[in-house]
C-alpha cells in the first residue's frame, strides 16, 4: 500500500511538472506573437551560454572601426578584472620569487593561493578575448571558437535574439544571439548588464537591417 502511494505521488508530481512546463511553453509562444514573425516560433529560446562562463558585469563594448567593422571588444570593467586577477598576482610572484629575499619555505605557501587567481582568471580571459566582429565589407559575421574561426554570411542571419536567464545565485543574465536562417544560433555576448546589451543590439539591428527580438521586456 505504501509503495502504491509513493508511485501515485510520483506520477502526480510528474504530471504537475509536465502541465506547468506545457503552460509555460504555450505562454512563451503567445509572447512571440509580438514580433510578428512566425520564424521566431521555430527557433529555440533556451540559453546558449553555460552558467560557468557567464559574466557578472559588462565584459564587451561595441566598437565601429574605420575598416567598416563592428567589433565587440573588452570593456573597461573587463580590463580591470584582468588587472586584479592576473596582473596583481603576477607582480606579487615576481616580487616574492625574484626581487625580495624570501626563503623557499616562505615562498612555496604562496603558490597554491596565487594559483587560484590564475585558474579562474586565465580561462575566463581567454574566453572573453575571443574575436567577435561583423565585417560589413565582406558581409560576414566572424567569431573565434574552439574549432577555429566561424564565418557566417550576414545574409544568412535572420534576426538578433535577446533572452534572459537566472543563475544559481538568483541573478539575471542576458544573452544576445544571432539567429540564422537554418534555425541555428550563435552567441555574441552574455553578461548581467541587460541595458547595455539592449542598447548595442538595437544599434546593431539597424546597421544590419535585421529584426531584433527582445524577450526580456
N, C-alpha and C. Protein backbone atom coordinates (compact mmCIF):
# COMPACT_ATOMS: atom_id res chain seq x y z
N UNK A 1 0.83 -1.21 0.00
CA UNK A 1 0.00 0.00 0.00
C UNK A 1 0.87 1.27 0.00
N UNK A 2 1.92 1.23 0.84
CA UNK A 2 2.83 2.38 0.91
C UNK A 2 3.55 2.57 -0.43
N UNK A 3 3.94 1.46 -1.04
CA UNK A 3 4.60 1.52 -2.35
C UNK A 3 3.68 2.14 -3.39
N UNK A 4 2.39 1.75 -3.36
CA UNK A 4 1.42 2.27 -4.32
C UNK A 4 1.25 3.78 -4.14
N UNK A 5 1.20 4.25 -2.88
CA UNK A 5 1.04 5.68 -2.62
C UNK A 5 2.24 6.47 -3.13
N UNK A 6 3.43 5.89 -2.96
CA UNK A 6 4.63 6.56 -3.45
C UNK A 6 4.63 6.67 -4.97
N UNK A 7 4.21 5.58 -5.62
CA UNK A 7 4.14 5.61 -7.09
C UNK A 7 3.11 6.62 -7.57
N UNK A 8 1.96 6.65 -6.88
CA UNK A 8 0.90 7.59 -7.25
C UNK A 8 1.36 9.03 -7.04
N UNK A 9 2.05 9.27 -5.94
CA UNK A 9 2.58 10.61 -5.65
C UNK A 9 3.58 11.04 -6.72
N UNK A 10 4.47 10.12 -7.10
CA UNK A 10 5.48 10.42 -8.12
C UNK A 10 4.82 10.73 -9.46
N UNK A 11 3.78 9.95 -9.79
CA UNK A 11 3.06 10.16 -11.05
C UNK A 11 2.37 11.52 -11.06
N UNK A 12 1.70 11.87 -9.97
CA UNK A 12 1.01 13.16 -9.88
C UNK A 12 2.00 14.32 -9.92
N UNK A 13 3.14 14.13 -9.29
CA UNK A 13 4.18 15.16 -9.30
C UNK A 13 4.71 15.37 -10.71
N UNK A 14 4.92 14.27 -11.44
CA UNK A 14 5.41 14.35 -12.82
C UNK A 14 4.38 15.04 -13.71
N UNK A 15 3.09 14.68 -13.55
CA UNK A 15 2.04 15.29 -14.36
C UNK A 15 1.92 16.78 -14.08
N UNK A 16 2.07 17.16 -12.82
CA UNK A 16 2.01 18.57 -12.45
C UNK A 16 3.17 19.35 -13.08
N UNK A 17 4.37 18.76 -13.03
CA UNK A 17 5.53 19.40 -13.64
C UNK A 17 5.36 19.52 -15.15
N UNK A 18 4.85 18.46 -15.78
CA UNK A 18 4.63 18.49 -17.23
C UNK A 18 3.61 19.56 -17.60
N UNK A 19 2.54 19.66 -16.81
CA UNK A 19 1.49 20.66 -17.07
C UNK A 19 2.05 22.07 -16.97
N UNK A 20 2.86 22.31 -15.94
CA UNK A 20 3.46 23.64 -15.77
C UNK A 20 4.40 23.98 -16.93
N UNK A 21 5.21 23.02 -17.33
CA UNK A 21 6.14 23.26 -18.44
C UNK A 21 5.37 23.50 -19.73
N UNK A 22 4.29 22.74 -19.92
CA UNK A 22 3.48 22.93 -21.12
C UNK A 22 2.81 24.30 -21.13
N UNK A 23 2.33 24.73 -19.97
CA UNK A 23 1.70 26.05 -19.85
C UNK A 23 2.71 27.15 -20.13
N UNK A 24 3.92 27.00 -19.57
CA UNK A 24 4.97 27.99 -19.80
C UNK A 24 5.36 28.05 -21.27
N UNK A 25 5.40 26.86 -21.92
CA UNK A 25 5.73 26.81 -23.35
C UNK A 25 4.67 27.53 -24.18
N UNK A 26 3.41 27.32 -23.87
CA UNK A 26 2.33 27.98 -24.61
C UNK A 26 2.33 29.49 -24.37
N UNK A 27 2.63 29.89 -23.12
CA UNK A 27 2.71 31.32 -22.82
C UNK A 27 3.84 31.97 -23.60
N UNK A 28 4.96 31.26 -23.72
CA UNK A 28 6.10 31.78 -24.47
C UNK A 28 5.74 31.93 -25.95
N UNK A 29 5.03 30.93 -26.49
CA UNK A 29 4.62 31.01 -27.89
C UNK A 29 3.69 32.20 -28.11
N UNK A 30 2.80 32.46 -27.17
CA UNK A 30 1.91 33.60 -27.29
C UNK A 30 2.69 34.90 -27.21
N UNK A 31 3.72 34.94 -26.34
CA UNK A 31 4.55 36.14 -26.24
C UNK A 31 5.30 36.41 -27.54
N UNK A 32 5.63 35.36 -28.27
CA UNK A 32 6.38 35.52 -29.51
C UNK A 32 5.56 36.19 -30.61
N UNK A 33 4.26 36.27 -30.42
CA UNK A 33 3.40 36.93 -31.42
C UNK A 33 3.74 38.41 -31.54
N UNK A 34 4.35 38.96 -30.51
CA UNK A 34 4.67 40.40 -30.52
C UNK A 34 5.65 40.75 -31.63
N UNK A 35 6.44 39.75 -32.08
CA UNK A 35 7.46 40.01 -33.10
C UNK A 35 6.90 39.98 -34.52
N UNK A 36 5.65 39.54 -34.66
CA UNK A 36 5.01 39.45 -35.98
C UNK A 36 5.88 38.69 -36.98
N UNK A 37 6.46 37.60 -36.50
CA UNK A 37 7.35 36.79 -37.34
C UNK A 37 7.23 35.34 -36.90
N UNK A 38 6.61 34.52 -37.74
CA UNK A 38 6.41 33.11 -37.41
C UNK A 38 7.73 32.35 -37.23
N UNK A 39 8.79 32.89 -37.84
CA UNK A 39 10.10 32.25 -37.72
C UNK A 39 10.55 32.20 -36.26
N UNK A 40 10.13 33.19 -35.48
CA UNK A 40 10.52 33.26 -34.07
C UNK A 40 10.01 32.06 -33.28
N UNK A 41 8.90 31.46 -33.74
CA UNK A 41 8.32 30.31 -33.04
C UNK A 41 9.02 29.00 -33.41
N UNK A 42 9.88 29.05 -34.40
CA UNK A 42 10.51 27.82 -34.87
C UNK A 42 11.96 27.67 -34.39
N UNK A 43 12.44 28.63 -33.59
CA UNK A 43 13.81 28.55 -33.08
C UNK A 43 13.78 28.39 -31.56
N UNK A 44 14.89 27.95 -31.02
CA UNK A 44 14.99 27.75 -29.57
C UNK A 44 15.14 29.09 -28.85
N UNK A 45 14.53 29.15 -27.66
CA UNK A 45 14.67 30.33 -26.80
C UNK A 45 15.36 29.96 -25.49
N UNK A 46 16.03 28.84 -25.49
CA UNK A 46 16.80 28.42 -24.33
C UNK A 46 18.17 29.10 -24.35
N UNK A 47 18.78 29.32 -23.19
CA UNK A 47 20.11 29.93 -23.16
C UNK A 47 21.16 29.08 -23.87
N UNK A 48 22.11 29.74 -24.51
CA UNK A 48 23.21 29.05 -25.17
C UNK A 48 24.41 28.92 -24.23
N UNK A 49 24.70 30.01 -23.53
CA UNK A 49 25.91 30.08 -22.71
C UNK A 49 25.72 29.32 -21.41
N UNK A 50 26.70 28.48 -21.06
CA UNK A 50 26.67 27.74 -19.81
C UNK A 50 26.94 28.69 -18.65
N UNK A 51 26.33 28.38 -17.51
CA UNK A 51 26.40 29.28 -16.35
C UNK A 51 27.82 29.54 -15.87
N UNK A 52 28.74 28.60 -16.07
CA UNK A 52 30.09 28.76 -15.54
C UNK A 52 30.91 29.82 -16.28
N UNK A 53 30.47 30.24 -17.46
CA UNK A 53 31.23 31.25 -18.19
C UNK A 53 30.43 32.53 -18.39
N UNK A 54 29.38 32.70 -17.61
CA UNK A 54 28.65 33.95 -17.65
C UNK A 54 29.38 35.01 -16.84
N UNK A 55 29.15 36.26 -17.19
CA UNK A 55 29.86 37.35 -16.52
C UNK A 55 28.90 38.18 -15.69
N UNK A 56 29.34 38.56 -14.52
CA UNK A 56 28.50 39.35 -13.61
C UNK A 56 28.64 40.85 -13.85
N UNK A 57 29.30 41.23 -14.93
CA UNK A 57 29.45 42.64 -15.28
C UNK A 57 29.59 42.76 -16.79
N UNK A 58 29.50 43.98 -17.28
CA UNK A 58 29.61 44.21 -18.73
C UNK A 58 31.03 43.92 -19.20
N UNK A 59 31.18 42.93 -20.07
CA UNK A 59 32.51 42.50 -20.50
C UNK A 59 32.92 43.04 -21.87
N UNK A 60 31.95 43.41 -22.68
CA UNK A 60 32.28 43.84 -24.05
C UNK A 60 31.53 45.12 -24.41
N UNK A 61 32.18 45.89 -25.25
CA UNK A 61 31.57 47.10 -25.79
C UNK A 61 31.60 47.03 -27.31
N UNK A 62 30.59 47.55 -27.94
CA UNK A 62 30.51 47.51 -29.40
C UNK A 62 31.26 48.71 -29.97
N UNK A 63 32.16 48.43 -30.91
CA UNK A 63 33.00 49.48 -31.49
C UNK A 63 32.90 49.42 -33.01
N UNK A 64 32.66 50.57 -33.63
CA UNK A 64 32.64 50.67 -35.10
C UNK A 64 33.99 51.23 -35.56
N UNK A 65 34.69 50.47 -36.38
CA UNK A 65 36.03 50.86 -36.81
C UNK A 65 36.00 51.50 -38.20
N UNK A 66 37.15 52.08 -38.57
CA UNK A 66 37.27 52.71 -39.89
C UNK A 66 37.29 51.67 -41.01
N UNK A 67 37.60 50.42 -40.66
CA UNK A 67 37.63 49.35 -41.65
C UNK A 67 36.23 48.80 -41.97
N UNK A 68 35.23 49.55 -41.53
CA UNK A 68 33.84 49.14 -41.75
C UNK A 68 33.54 47.82 -41.04
N UNK A 69 34.05 47.73 -39.82
CA UNK A 69 33.80 46.57 -38.97
C UNK A 69 33.07 46.99 -37.70
N UNK A 70 32.23 46.09 -37.21
CA UNK A 70 31.59 46.28 -35.92
C UNK A 70 32.13 45.19 -35.00
N UNK A 71 32.95 45.59 -34.06
CA UNK A 71 33.62 44.62 -33.19
C UNK A 71 33.10 44.72 -31.77
N UNK A 72 33.19 43.60 -31.06
CA UNK A 72 32.86 43.57 -29.64
C UNK A 72 34.16 43.37 -28.88
N UNK A 73 34.64 44.47 -28.28
CA UNK A 73 35.94 44.49 -27.63
C UNK A 73 35.79 44.56 -26.12
N UNK A 74 36.88 44.20 -25.38
CA UNK A 74 36.81 44.20 -23.91
C UNK A 74 36.42 45.57 -23.35
N UNK A 75 35.56 45.55 -22.35
CA UNK A 75 35.14 46.78 -21.69
C UNK A 75 36.16 47.20 -20.64
N UNK A 76 35.97 48.38 -20.07
CA UNK A 76 36.87 48.87 -19.02
C UNK A 76 36.78 47.96 -17.79
N UNK A 77 35.55 47.50 -17.48
CA UNK A 77 35.37 46.60 -16.33
C UNK A 77 36.14 45.30 -16.52
N UNK A 78 36.15 44.80 -17.77
CA UNK A 78 36.85 43.55 -18.03
C UNK A 78 38.36 43.74 -17.92
N UNK A 79 38.86 44.86 -18.42
CA UNK A 79 40.30 45.15 -18.32
C UNK A 79 40.72 45.29 -16.86
N UNK A 80 39.84 45.85 -16.05
CA UNK A 80 40.12 45.95 -14.62
C UNK A 80 40.17 44.56 -13.98
N UNK A 81 39.27 43.67 -14.46
CA UNK A 81 39.26 42.29 -13.96
C UNK A 81 40.60 41.61 -14.27
N UNK A 82 41.12 41.81 -15.47
CA UNK A 82 42.41 41.23 -15.85
C UNK A 82 43.52 41.75 -14.94
N UNK A 83 43.47 43.06 -14.66
CA UNK A 83 44.48 43.67 -13.80
C UNK A 83 44.47 43.05 -12.41
N UNK A 84 43.27 42.84 -11.86
CA UNK A 84 43.14 42.33 -10.49
C UNK A 84 43.49 40.85 -10.41
N UNK A 85 42.93 40.03 -11.31
CA UNK A 85 43.05 38.58 -11.20
C UNK A 85 44.31 38.01 -11.84
N UNK A 86 44.95 38.76 -12.73
CA UNK A 86 46.16 38.24 -13.37
C UNK A 86 47.36 39.16 -13.13
N UNK A 87 47.16 40.46 -13.30
CA UNK A 87 48.26 41.40 -13.16
C UNK A 87 48.83 41.46 -11.76
N UNK A 88 47.98 41.65 -10.76
CA UNK A 88 48.44 41.76 -9.36
C UNK A 88 49.11 40.47 -8.88
N UNK A 89 48.49 39.29 -9.09
CA UNK A 89 49.18 38.05 -8.67
C UNK A 89 50.51 37.84 -9.38
N UNK A 90 50.58 38.21 -10.66
CA UNK A 90 51.83 38.05 -11.40
C UNK A 90 52.94 38.92 -10.80
N UNK A 91 52.62 40.18 -10.51
CA UNK A 91 53.61 41.08 -9.91
C UNK A 91 54.02 40.61 -8.52
N UNK A 92 53.05 40.05 -7.80
CA UNK A 92 53.35 39.53 -6.46
C UNK A 92 54.33 38.37 -6.53
N UNK A 93 54.11 37.47 -7.48
CA UNK A 93 55.01 36.32 -7.63
C UNK A 93 56.40 36.76 -8.05
N UNK A 94 56.47 37.74 -8.94
CA UNK A 94 57.78 38.25 -9.37
C UNK A 94 58.52 38.86 -8.19
N UNK A 95 57.78 39.63 -7.37
CA UNK A 95 58.40 40.27 -6.21
C UNK A 95 58.91 39.23 -5.21
N UNK A 96 58.09 38.22 -4.94
CA UNK A 96 58.43 37.22 -3.94
C UNK A 96 59.56 36.31 -4.40
N UNK A 97 59.49 35.84 -5.66
CA UNK A 97 60.44 34.83 -6.13
C UNK A 97 61.70 35.43 -6.75
N UNK A 98 61.63 36.67 -7.21
CA UNK A 98 62.78 37.25 -7.92
C UNK A 98 63.43 38.39 -7.13
N UNK A 99 62.62 39.34 -6.67
CA UNK A 99 63.18 40.56 -6.09
C UNK A 99 63.48 40.41 -4.59
N UNK A 100 62.43 40.07 -3.83
CA UNK A 100 62.59 40.01 -2.37
C UNK A 100 63.43 38.80 -1.96
N UNK A 101 64.07 38.92 -0.83
CA UNK A 101 64.94 37.84 -0.39
C UNK A 101 64.25 36.87 0.55
N UNK A 102 63.11 36.32 0.14
CA UNK A 102 62.40 35.35 0.97
C UNK A 102 63.05 33.97 0.83
N UNK A 103 62.96 33.19 1.91
CA UNK A 103 63.46 31.81 1.86
C UNK A 103 62.47 30.94 1.11
N UNK A 104 62.88 29.76 0.69
CA UNK A 104 62.00 28.85 -0.05
C UNK A 104 60.80 28.43 0.80
N UNK A 105 61.00 28.26 2.09
CA UNK A 105 59.88 27.89 2.97
C UNK A 105 58.82 28.98 3.03
N UNK A 106 59.23 30.21 2.83
CA UNK A 106 58.27 31.33 2.83
C UNK A 106 57.61 31.50 1.46
N UNK A 107 58.28 31.05 0.41
CA UNK A 107 57.76 31.25 -0.94
C UNK A 107 56.67 30.24 -1.31
N UNK A 108 56.92 28.95 -1.03
CA UNK A 108 56.03 27.89 -1.54
C UNK A 108 54.59 27.99 -1.07
N UNK A 109 54.30 28.41 0.16
CA UNK A 109 52.88 28.52 0.56
C UNK A 109 52.08 29.50 -0.28
N UNK A 110 52.76 30.44 -0.94
CA UNK A 110 52.05 31.42 -1.76
C UNK A 110 51.55 30.83 -3.08
N UNK A 111 52.20 29.77 -3.54
CA UNK A 111 51.87 29.23 -4.86
C UNK A 111 50.43 28.72 -4.94
N UNK A 112 49.95 27.88 -4.01
CA UNK A 112 48.55 27.43 -4.10
C UNK A 112 47.56 28.59 -4.04
N UNK A 113 47.88 29.57 -3.18
CA UNK A 113 46.98 30.72 -3.05
C UNK A 113 46.90 31.51 -4.35
N UNK A 114 48.04 31.80 -4.95
CA UNK A 114 48.07 32.56 -6.20
C UNK A 114 47.52 31.75 -7.38
N UNK A 115 47.66 30.44 -7.31
CA UNK A 115 47.18 29.59 -8.40
C UNK A 115 45.67 29.72 -8.60
N UNK A 116 44.95 29.99 -7.51
CA UNK A 116 43.50 30.16 -7.62
C UNK A 116 43.16 31.31 -8.57
N UNK A 117 43.88 32.41 -8.46
CA UNK A 117 43.64 33.55 -9.33
C UNK A 117 43.89 33.19 -10.80
N UNK A 118 44.95 32.44 -11.06
CA UNK A 118 45.28 32.08 -12.43
C UNK A 118 44.29 31.05 -12.99
N UNK A 119 43.89 30.09 -12.16
CA UNK A 119 42.97 29.05 -12.62
C UNK A 119 41.61 29.63 -12.96
N UNK A 120 41.21 30.68 -12.27
CA UNK A 120 39.93 31.34 -12.56
C UNK A 120 40.11 32.38 -13.67
N UNK A 121 41.14 33.21 -13.53
CA UNK A 121 41.30 34.36 -14.42
C UNK A 121 41.68 34.03 -15.84
N UNK A 122 42.65 33.13 -16.03
CA UNK A 122 43.17 32.87 -17.38
C UNK A 122 42.13 32.23 -18.30
N UNK A 123 41.44 31.12 -17.90
CA UNK A 123 40.42 30.56 -18.80
C UNK A 123 39.30 31.54 -19.11
N UNK A 124 38.90 32.31 -18.10
CA UNK A 124 37.83 33.28 -18.31
C UNK A 124 38.27 34.37 -19.29
N UNK A 125 39.49 34.85 -19.13
CA UNK A 125 40.00 35.89 -20.03
C UNK A 125 40.13 35.39 -21.47
N UNK A 126 40.61 34.16 -21.61
CA UNK A 126 40.75 33.58 -22.96
C UNK A 126 39.39 33.48 -23.64
N UNK A 127 38.36 33.12 -22.85
CA UNK A 127 37.01 33.02 -23.41
C UNK A 127 36.50 34.39 -23.86
N UNK A 128 36.67 35.38 -23.02
CA UNK A 128 36.13 36.71 -23.32
C UNK A 128 36.94 37.43 -24.39
N UNK A 129 38.21 37.07 -24.57
CA UNK A 129 39.05 37.76 -25.55
C UNK A 129 38.93 37.18 -26.96
N UNK A 130 38.08 36.17 -27.14
CA UNK A 130 37.89 35.61 -28.48
C UNK A 130 37.31 36.68 -29.41
N UNK A 131 37.92 36.84 -30.58
CA UNK A 131 37.44 37.87 -31.52
C UNK A 131 36.00 37.63 -31.97
N UNK A 132 35.21 38.68 -31.92
CA UNK A 132 33.83 38.65 -32.41
C UNK A 132 33.60 39.96 -33.17
N UNK A 133 33.30 39.85 -34.46
CA UNK A 133 33.04 41.08 -35.21
C UNK A 133 32.23 40.81 -36.48
N UNK A 134 31.63 41.87 -36.97
CA UNK A 134 30.89 41.85 -38.23
C UNK A 134 31.70 42.64 -39.24
N UNK A 135 32.08 41.99 -40.33
CA UNK A 135 32.81 42.65 -41.41
C UNK A 135 31.78 43.09 -42.46
N UNK A 136 31.49 44.37 -42.48
CA UNK A 136 30.44 44.88 -43.37
C UNK A 136 30.88 44.90 -44.83
N UNK A 137 32.18 44.95 -45.07
CA UNK A 137 32.67 44.92 -46.45
C UNK A 137 32.49 43.53 -47.07
N UNK A 138 32.87 42.51 -46.31
CA UNK A 138 32.75 41.13 -46.78
C UNK A 138 31.38 40.52 -46.46
N UNK A 139 30.58 41.28 -45.70
CA UNK A 139 29.25 40.80 -45.29
C UNK A 139 29.36 39.47 -44.54
N UNK A 140 30.25 39.46 -43.51
CA UNK A 140 30.49 38.24 -42.74
C UNK A 140 30.43 38.52 -41.24
N UNK A 141 29.91 37.55 -40.51
CA UNK A 141 29.98 37.55 -39.06
C UNK A 141 31.06 36.55 -38.68
N UNK A 142 32.07 37.01 -37.93
CA UNK A 142 33.23 36.17 -37.63
C UNK A 142 33.39 36.04 -36.12
N UNK A 143 33.51 34.80 -35.67
CA UNK A 143 33.64 34.53 -34.24
C UNK A 143 34.65 33.41 -34.03
N UNK A 144 35.59 33.62 -33.11
CA UNK A 144 36.58 32.60 -32.77
C UNK A 144 35.95 31.58 -31.83
N UNK A 145 36.08 30.32 -32.16
CA UNK A 145 35.55 29.25 -31.32
C UNK A 145 36.65 28.22 -31.06
N UNK A 146 36.31 27.19 -30.31
CA UNK A 146 37.28 26.13 -30.02
C UNK A 146 37.66 25.35 -31.27
N UNK A 147 36.86 25.46 -32.33
CA UNK A 147 37.12 24.75 -33.59
C UNK A 147 37.80 25.64 -34.63
N UNK A 148 38.15 26.85 -34.23
CA UNK A 148 38.74 27.78 -35.18
C UNK A 148 37.81 28.97 -35.38
N UNK A 149 37.92 29.62 -36.51
CA UNK A 149 37.07 30.77 -36.80
C UNK A 149 35.79 30.33 -37.51
N UNK A 150 34.66 30.80 -36.97
CA UNK A 150 33.38 30.57 -37.63
C UNK A 150 33.05 31.79 -38.46
N UNK A 151 32.81 31.59 -39.74
CA UNK A 151 32.45 32.68 -40.64
C UNK A 151 31.06 32.43 -41.20
N UNK A 152 30.17 33.36 -40.90
CA UNK A 152 28.78 33.24 -41.33
C UNK A 152 28.44 34.46 -42.17
N UNK A 153 27.85 34.23 -43.32
CA UNK A 153 27.41 35.35 -44.15
C UNK A 153 26.31 36.13 -43.42
N UNK A 154 26.42 37.44 -43.41
CA UNK A 154 25.40 38.28 -42.77
C UNK A 154 24.04 38.06 -43.44
N UNK A 155 24.07 37.71 -44.70
CA UNK A 155 22.82 37.44 -45.42
C UNK A 155 22.12 36.19 -44.92
N UNK A 156 22.84 35.34 -44.18
CA UNK A 156 22.25 34.12 -43.61
C UNK A 156 21.71 34.34 -42.20
N UNK A 157 21.84 35.58 -41.70
CA UNK A 157 21.33 35.91 -40.37
C UNK A 157 19.91 36.44 -40.51
N UNK A 158 19.00 35.83 -39.78
CA UNK A 158 17.59 36.25 -39.87
C UNK A 158 17.27 37.34 -38.85
N UNK A 159 17.82 37.22 -37.64
CA UNK A 159 17.46 38.18 -36.59
C UNK A 159 18.48 38.15 -35.46
N UNK A 160 18.35 39.15 -34.58
CA UNK A 160 19.09 39.16 -33.31
C UNK A 160 18.12 38.77 -32.20
N UNK A 161 18.58 37.96 -31.28
CA UNK A 161 17.73 37.43 -30.22
C UNK A 161 18.32 37.78 -28.86
N UNK A 162 17.50 38.40 -28.01
CA UNK A 162 17.93 38.71 -26.64
C UNK A 162 17.05 37.96 -25.66
N UNK A 163 17.68 37.17 -24.80
CA UNK A 163 16.94 36.39 -23.81
C UNK A 163 17.53 36.60 -22.43
N UNK A 164 16.73 36.25 -21.41
CA UNK A 164 17.15 36.42 -20.02
C UNK A 164 17.10 35.08 -19.31
N UNK A 165 18.06 34.88 -18.43
CA UNK A 165 18.10 33.65 -17.63
C UNK A 165 18.56 34.01 -16.23
N UNK A 166 18.38 33.08 -15.28
CA UNK A 166 18.80 33.32 -13.90
C UNK A 166 19.88 32.32 -13.51
N UNK A 167 20.85 32.79 -12.75
CA UNK A 167 21.95 31.93 -12.31
C UNK A 167 21.55 31.20 -11.03
N UNK A 168 22.44 30.31 -10.59
CA UNK A 168 22.17 29.60 -9.34
C UNK A 168 22.22 30.53 -8.13
N UNK A 169 22.77 31.74 -8.33
CA UNK A 169 22.79 32.75 -7.27
C UNK A 169 21.60 33.69 -7.38
N UNK A 170 20.64 33.31 -8.25
CA UNK A 170 19.40 34.07 -8.45
C UNK A 170 19.67 35.47 -9.03
N UNK A 171 20.66 35.55 -9.93
CA UNK A 171 20.96 36.80 -10.62
C UNK A 171 20.52 36.70 -12.07
N UNK A 172 20.11 37.83 -12.64
CA UNK A 172 19.69 37.86 -14.04
C UNK A 172 20.91 37.95 -14.95
N UNK A 173 20.86 37.15 -16.01
CA UNK A 173 21.89 37.20 -17.05
C UNK A 173 21.19 37.35 -18.40
N UNK A 174 21.85 38.06 -19.30
CA UNK A 174 21.25 38.34 -20.60
C UNK A 174 22.17 37.84 -21.72
N UNK A 175 21.56 37.26 -22.74
CA UNK A 175 22.30 36.80 -23.92
C UNK A 175 21.86 37.56 -25.15
N UNK A 176 22.80 37.87 -26.00
CA UNK A 176 22.49 38.38 -27.34
C UNK A 176 23.02 37.36 -28.33
N UNK A 177 22.11 36.81 -29.13
CA UNK A 177 22.47 35.77 -30.10
C UNK A 177 22.07 36.19 -31.51
N UNK A 178 22.79 35.65 -32.49
CA UNK A 178 22.34 35.79 -33.87
C UNK A 178 21.55 34.52 -34.21
N UNK A 179 20.42 34.72 -34.87
CA UNK A 179 19.58 33.60 -35.30
C UNK A 179 19.75 33.43 -36.81
N UNK A 180 20.22 32.27 -37.20
CA UNK A 180 20.48 32.02 -38.62
C UNK A 180 19.23 31.50 -39.32
N UNK A 181 19.23 31.59 -40.63
CA UNK A 181 18.07 31.17 -41.40
C UNK A 181 17.87 29.66 -41.41
N UNK A 182 18.89 28.92 -40.96
CA UNK A 182 18.75 27.46 -40.84
C UNK A 182 18.34 27.06 -39.42
N UNK A 183 17.93 28.08 -38.61
CA UNK A 183 17.44 27.90 -37.24
C UNK A 183 18.55 27.72 -36.20
N UNK A 184 19.82 27.70 -36.62
CA UNK A 184 20.91 27.65 -35.64
C UNK A 184 21.08 29.02 -35.00
N UNK A 185 21.75 29.04 -33.85
CA UNK A 185 22.02 30.30 -33.14
C UNK A 185 23.48 30.35 -32.71
N UNK A 186 24.04 31.54 -32.70
CA UNK A 186 25.40 31.77 -32.22
C UNK A 186 25.37 32.92 -31.22
N UNK A 187 26.07 32.74 -30.12
CA UNK A 187 26.09 33.78 -29.10
C UNK A 187 27.10 34.88 -29.44
N UNK A 188 26.70 36.11 -29.18
CA UNK A 188 27.60 37.26 -29.36
C UNK A 188 28.17 37.67 -28.00
N UNK A 189 27.29 38.00 -27.07
CA UNK A 189 27.72 38.39 -25.73
C UNK A 189 26.75 37.85 -24.69
N UNK A 190 27.24 37.75 -23.45
CA UNK A 190 26.41 37.30 -22.34
C UNK A 190 26.97 37.87 -21.04
N UNK A 191 26.18 38.70 -20.36
CA UNK A 191 26.56 39.19 -19.04
C UNK A 191 25.32 39.74 -18.35
N UNK A 192 25.50 40.37 -17.20
CA UNK A 192 24.36 40.76 -16.37
C UNK A 192 23.80 42.15 -16.67
N UNK A 193 24.48 42.91 -17.53
CA UNK A 193 24.04 44.27 -17.83
C UNK A 193 23.09 44.26 -19.03
N UNK A 194 21.82 44.03 -18.77
CA UNK A 194 20.83 43.94 -19.85
C UNK A 194 20.65 45.25 -20.59
N UNK A 195 20.75 46.36 -19.89
CA UNK A 195 20.57 47.68 -20.52
C UNK A 195 21.63 47.92 -21.59
N UNK A 196 22.86 47.55 -21.27
CA UNK A 196 23.96 47.72 -22.22
C UNK A 196 23.76 46.82 -23.44
N UNK A 197 23.40 45.57 -23.22
CA UNK A 197 23.19 44.63 -24.33
C UNK A 197 22.05 45.11 -25.22
N UNK A 198 20.97 45.57 -24.60
CA UNK A 198 19.80 46.02 -25.38
C UNK A 198 20.15 47.21 -26.26
N UNK A 199 20.92 48.15 -25.71
CA UNK A 199 21.31 49.34 -26.48
C UNK A 199 22.18 48.94 -27.67
N UNK A 200 23.15 48.06 -27.45
CA UNK A 200 24.02 47.61 -28.53
C UNK A 200 23.24 46.83 -29.58
N UNK A 201 22.31 46.00 -29.13
CA UNK A 201 21.53 45.16 -30.05
C UNK A 201 20.65 46.02 -30.96
N UNK A 202 20.04 47.05 -30.41
CA UNK A 202 19.19 47.94 -31.22
C UNK A 202 20.02 48.63 -32.31
N UNK A 203 21.19 49.09 -31.93
CA UNK A 203 22.07 49.77 -32.89
C UNK A 203 22.55 48.79 -33.96
N UNK A 204 22.93 47.59 -33.53
CA UNK A 204 23.41 46.58 -34.48
C UNK A 204 22.29 46.15 -35.42
N UNK A 205 21.08 46.03 -34.90
CA UNK A 205 19.92 45.65 -35.71
C UNK A 205 19.68 46.66 -36.83
N UNK A 206 19.81 47.93 -36.51
CA UNK A 206 19.61 48.97 -37.51
C UNK A 206 20.70 48.95 -38.57
N UNK A 207 21.94 48.72 -38.14
CA UNK A 207 23.05 48.70 -39.09
C UNK A 207 22.93 47.52 -40.06
N UNK A 208 22.56 46.35 -39.52
CA UNK A 208 22.46 45.14 -40.35
C UNK A 208 21.10 45.01 -41.04
N UNK A 209 20.16 45.86 -40.66
CA UNK A 209 18.80 45.82 -41.24
C UNK A 209 18.14 44.45 -41.04
N UNK A 210 18.21 43.97 -39.79
CA UNK A 210 17.57 42.71 -39.43
C UNK A 210 16.74 42.94 -38.16
N UNK A 211 15.73 42.10 -37.92
CA UNK A 211 14.88 42.29 -36.74
C UNK A 211 15.63 42.05 -35.44
N UNK A 212 15.16 42.71 -34.38
CA UNK A 212 15.69 42.49 -33.04
C UNK A 212 14.57 41.94 -32.16
N UNK A 213 14.72 40.70 -31.73
CA UNK A 213 13.72 40.05 -30.88
C UNK A 213 14.16 40.18 -29.42
N UNK A 214 13.50 41.04 -28.69
CA UNK A 214 13.84 41.24 -27.28
C UNK A 214 12.79 40.56 -26.41
N UNK A 215 13.16 39.46 -25.79
CA UNK A 215 12.23 38.70 -24.95
C UNK A 215 12.41 39.04 -23.47
N UNK A 216 13.10 40.12 -23.18
CA UNK A 216 13.43 40.45 -21.79
C UNK A 216 12.55 41.57 -21.23
N UNK A 217 11.70 42.15 -22.06
CA UNK A 217 10.87 43.27 -21.59
C UNK A 217 9.40 42.90 -21.62
